[in-house]
Protein backbone atom coordinates (compact mmCIF):
# COMPACT_ATOMS: atom_id res chain seq x y z
CA UNK A 1 -16.54 -158.80 -13.18
CA UNK A 2 -18.91 -161.73 -13.63
CA UNK A 3 -17.25 -164.64 -15.41
CA UNK A 4 -20.30 -166.69 -16.50
CA UNK A 5 -21.95 -164.02 -18.69
CA UNK A 6 -18.54 -163.03 -20.03
CA UNK A 7 -17.75 -166.60 -21.13
CA UNK A 8 -21.25 -167.04 -22.58
CA UNK A 9 -20.89 -163.77 -24.49
CA UNK A 10 -17.52 -164.75 -25.92
CA UNK A 11 -18.86 -168.18 -26.97
CA UNK A 12 -22.00 -166.69 -28.56
CA UNK A 13 -19.92 -164.02 -30.28
CA UNK A 14 -17.56 -166.66 -31.65
CA UNK A 15 -20.42 -168.81 -32.95
CA UNK A 16 -22.11 -165.81 -34.56
CA UNK A 17 -18.86 -164.67 -36.15
CA UNK A 18 -18.21 -168.16 -37.52
CA UNK A 19 -21.71 -168.36 -39.03
CA UNK A 20 -21.31 -164.99 -40.75
CA UNK A 21 -17.79 -165.86 -41.95
CA UNK A 22 -18.97 -169.24 -43.31
CA UNK A 23 -21.88 -167.58 -45.13
CA UNK A 24 -19.59 -164.93 -46.63
CA UNK A 25 -16.91 -167.45 -47.63
CA UNK A 26 -19.41 -169.82 -49.22
CA UNK A 27 -21.31 -167.11 -51.12
CA UNK A 28 -18.13 -165.54 -52.48
CA UNK A 29 -17.34 -168.67 -54.49
CA UNK A 30 -20.75 -170.11 -55.40
CA UNK A 31 -22.60 -170.62 -58.61
CA UNK A 32 -26.40 -170.63 -58.84
CA UNK A 33 -28.66 -173.11 -60.59
CA UNK A 34 -32.21 -174.41 -60.27
CA UNK A 35 -33.00 -177.46 -58.18
CA UNK A 36 -36.13 -179.40 -57.30
CA UNK A 37 -37.35 -180.25 -53.80
CA UNK A 38 -37.83 -184.03 -53.72
CA UNK A 39 -39.10 -184.47 -50.16
CA UNK A 40 -38.48 -183.51 -46.55
CA UNK A 41 -37.06 -185.65 -43.78
CA UNK A 42 -39.15 -185.00 -40.70
CA UNK A 43 -37.87 -185.34 -37.14
CA UNK A 44 -38.72 -184.19 -33.62
CA UNK A 45 -36.59 -181.98 -31.42
CA UNK A 46 -37.20 -181.58 -27.73
CA UNK A 47 -36.26 -178.64 -25.54
CA UNK A 48 -37.79 -177.56 -22.25
CA UNK A 49 -40.20 -180.52 -22.44
CA UNK A 50 -41.62 -179.12 -25.67
CA UNK A 51 -41.48 -181.06 -28.92
CA UNK A 52 -41.09 -179.36 -32.26
CA UNK A 53 -41.24 -180.93 -35.69
CA UNK A 54 -38.34 -179.96 -37.96
CA UNK A 55 -38.01 -180.53 -41.69
CA UNK A 56 -34.77 -181.14 -43.59
CA UNK A 57 -35.17 -180.72 -47.37
CA UNK A 58 -33.80 -183.24 -49.83
CA UNK A 59 -33.29 -181.68 -53.25
CA UNK A 60 -31.71 -182.45 -56.58
CA UNK A 61 -30.11 -180.43 -59.33
CA UNK A 62 -28.38 -181.27 -62.59
CA UNK A 63 -25.10 -180.00 -64.01
CA UNK A 64 -23.59 -181.08 -67.30
CA UNK A 65 -25.73 -184.22 -67.45
CA UNK A 66 -24.99 -185.29 -63.86
CA UNK A 67 -27.79 -185.20 -61.30
CA UNK A 68 -26.88 -184.55 -57.67
CA UNK A 69 -29.19 -185.43 -54.79
CA UNK A 70 -28.39 -183.46 -51.64
CA UNK A 71 -29.67 -183.61 -48.08
CA UNK A 72 -29.65 -180.10 -46.70
CA UNK A 73 -27.49 -179.42 -43.66
CA UNK A 74 -30.07 -176.87 -42.53
CA UNK A 75 -33.44 -177.76 -41.02
CA UNK A 76 -36.54 -175.60 -40.92
CA UNK A 77 -39.71 -175.47 -38.85
CA UNK A 78 -41.84 -175.64 -42.02
CA UNK A 79 -41.61 -176.64 -45.67
CA UNK A 80 -39.86 -173.53 -47.01
CA UNK A 81 -40.44 -174.62 -50.61
CA UNK A 82 -43.27 -177.01 -51.54
CA UNK A 83 -42.29 -180.52 -52.66
CA UNK A 84 -41.91 -180.72 -56.42
CA UNK A 85 -41.18 -177.01 -56.86
CA UNK A 86 -37.99 -175.57 -58.27
CA UNK A 87 -35.84 -173.17 -56.28
CA UNK A 88 -32.41 -171.58 -56.41
CA UNK A 89 -29.53 -173.81 -55.35
CA UNK A 90 -26.06 -172.52 -54.51
CA UNK A 91 -23.05 -174.78 -55.07
CA UNK A 92 -19.28 -174.67 -55.39
CA UNK A 93 -17.73 -176.18 -58.50
CA UNK A 94 -16.10 -179.45 -57.47
CA UNK A 95 -18.09 -179.61 -54.21
CA UNK A 96 -21.61 -180.08 -55.52
CA UNK A 97 -22.49 -182.51 -52.72
CA UNK A 98 -22.43 -179.61 -50.25
CA UNK A 99 -24.88 -177.45 -52.18
CA UNK A 100 -27.31 -175.28 -50.23
CA UNK A 101 -30.75 -173.91 -50.86
CA UNK A 102 -30.48 -170.17 -51.47
CA UNK A 103 -33.67 -169.55 -49.50
CA UNK A 104 -32.26 -170.99 -46.26
CA UNK A 105 -28.86 -169.36 -46.53
CA UNK A 106 -28.45 -166.08 -44.66
CA UNK A 107 -26.70 -163.88 -42.12
CA UNK A 108 -29.68 -163.87 -39.73
CA UNK A 109 -28.58 -166.57 -37.29
CA UNK A 110 -25.07 -165.14 -37.01
CA UNK A 111 -26.44 -161.68 -36.28
CA UNK A 112 -28.76 -163.15 -33.64
CA UNK A 113 -25.85 -164.85 -31.85
CA UNK A 114 -23.77 -161.66 -31.92
CA UNK A 115 -26.79 -159.70 -30.70
CA UNK A 116 -27.06 -162.04 -27.72
CA UNK A 117 -23.32 -161.87 -27.10
CA UNK A 118 -23.14 -158.08 -26.72
CA UNK A 119 -25.31 -157.75 -23.57
CA UNK A 120 -23.74 -160.89 -22.07
CA UNK A 121 -20.23 -159.46 -22.51
CA UNK A 122 -21.41 -156.12 -21.11
CA UNK A 123 -22.89 -157.85 -18.02
CA UNK A 124 -19.72 -159.89 -17.61
CA UNK A 125 -17.41 -156.89 -17.72
CA UNK A 126 -19.46 -154.33 -15.75
């Protein structure tokens, strides 16, 4: 039994499971509306001495005469929706400040983490 891959597998599996659970929980209770991309905040990330530019969308949407401006909690490696365009926005009633773009909301990252966890757990156990 090798402890390091086992621990890494359990951690990756837990992160992946949380991402999928959060996506499911959020989407079970959301409403959909149209929102407009106002601009993108641009910043640099650095890993393995390689810089990458990331973009965090800032968007707005209106409900019952109130306009909400939201900074996305998700960043992307490109402009997923051009500035000024309308796109689907998912929000919970009473928690509009935590709205999400529908285009950037998916199971993919959670599945990736679980996919990485499986071989790590296997290597840790056998």
